[in-house]
Amino acid sequence: MKLPKNLGMLLLSIWLILYGLMELLKFNFQGLPIIMAILAIAAGVLLLLQR
């Protein structure tokens, strides 16, 4: 499987959508903050590496 060239932007988009849905729908479960943190770190690193 070939990764998209703009993977950082894709992860950032997913993070923003999930964050917005969490606040709007009061969506929450126990592991969600960890998942959101991992997504944010991965997106940030990939954007810094321009991937």
C-alpha atoms as a PDB file:
ATOM      1  CA  MET A   1       0.000   0.000   0.000  1.00  0.00           C
ATOM      2  CA  LYS A   2       1.401   3.353  -1.028  1.00  0.00           C
ATOM      3  CA  LEU A   3       1.016   6.229   1.434  1.00  0.00           C
ATOM      4  CA  PRO A   4      -0.385   9.509   0.115  1.00  0.00           C
ATOM      5  CA  LYS A   5       2.087  12.347  -0.371  1.00  0.00           C
ATOM      6  CA  ASN A   6       0.136  14.668   1.934  1.00  0.00           C
ATOM      7  CA  LEU A   7      -0.339  12.261   4.840  1.00  0.00           C
ATOM      8  CA  GLY A   8       0.290  15.006   7.413  1.00  0.00           C
ATOM      9  CA  MET A   9      -2.586  17.091   6.060  1.00  0.00           C
ATOM     10  CA  LEU A  10      -4.818  14.027   5.970  1.00  0.00           C
ATOM     11  CA  LEU A  11      -4.098  13.249   9.641  1.00  0.00           C
ATOM     12  CA  LEU A  12      -4.606  16.898  10.567  1.00  0.00           C
ATOM     13  CA  SER A  13      -7.965  16.878   8.786  1.00  0.00           C
ATOM     14  CA  ILE A  14      -9.033  13.742  10.650  1.00  0.00           C
ATOM     15  CA  TRP A  15      -7.940  15.279  13.958  1.00  0.00           C
ATOM     16  CA  LEU A  16      -9.876  18.493  13.304  1.00  0.00           C
ATOM     17  CA  ILE A  17     -13.037  16.620  12.315  1.00  0.00           C
ATOM     18  CA  LEU A  18     -12.871  14.354  15.379  1.00  0.00           C
ATOM     19  CA  TYR A  19     -12.184  17.289  17.694  1.00  0.00           C
ATOM     20  CA  GLY A  20     -15.132  19.199  16.264  1.00  0.00           C
ATOM     21  CA  LEU A  21     -17.457  16.205  16.585  1.00  0.00           C
ATOM     22  CA  MET A  22     -16.319  15.615  20.164  1.00  0.00           C
ATOM     23  CA  GLU A  23     -17.284  19.122  21.177  1.00  0.00           C
ATOM     24  CA  LEU A  24     -20.440  19.355  19.105  1.00  0.00           C
ATOM     25  CA  LEU A  25     -21.926  15.963  19.985  1.00  0.00           C
ATOM     26  CA  LYS A  26     -20.295  15.572  23.425  1.00  0.00           C
ATOM     27  CA  PHE A  27     -18.721  12.398  22.042  1.00  0.00           C
ATOM     28  CA  ASN A  28     -16.307  10.875  24.549  1.00  0.00           C
ATOM     29  CA  PHE A  29     -14.841   7.551  25.629  1.00  0.00           C
ATOM     30  CA  GLN A  30     -11.968   6.586  27.893  1.00  0.00           C
ATOM     31  CA  GLY A  31      -9.195   6.241  25.278  1.00  0.00           C
ATOM     32  CA  LEU A  32     -10.155   9.239  23.157  1.00  0.00           C
ATOM     33  CA  PRO A  33      -7.632  11.757  24.581  1.00  0.00           C
ATOM     34  CA  ILE A  34      -4.781   9.327  23.887  1.00  0.00           C
ATOM     35  CA  ILE A  35      -5.960   8.753  20.310  1.00  0.00           C
ATOM     36  CA  MET A  36      -6.297  12.499  19.747  1.00  0.00           C
ATOM     37  CA  ALA A  37      -2.807  13.140  21.148  1.00  0.00           C
ATOM     38  CA  ILE A  38      -1.258  10.460  18.922  1.00  0.00           C
ATOM     39  CA  LEU A  39      -3.030  11.868  15.861  1.00  0.00           C
ATOM     40  CA  ALA A  40      -1.872  15.398  16.695  1.00  0.00           C
ATOM     41  CA  ILE A  41       1.758  14.331  17.191  1.00  0.00           C
ATOM     42  CA  ALA A  42       1.796  12.239  14.013  1.00  0.00           C
ATOM     43  CA  ALA A  43       0.269  15.040  11.952  1.00  0.00           C
ATOM     44  CA  GLY A  44       2.694  17.595  13.377  1.00  0.00           C
ATOM     45  CA  VAL A  45       5.758  15.457  12.705  1.00  0.00           C
ATOM     46  CA  LEU A  46       4.662  14.622   9.167  1.00  0.00           C
ATOM     47  CA  LEU A  47       3.909  18.267   8.421  1.00  0.00           C
ATOM     48  CA  LEU A  48       7.364  19.258   9.713  1.00  0.00           C
ATOM     49  CA  LEU A  49       8.901  16.587   7.479  1.00  0.00           C
ATOM     50  CA  GLN A  50       6.685  17.827   4.611  1.00  0.00           C
ATOM     51  CA  ARG A  51       5.191  14.386   3.987  1.00  0.00           C
END
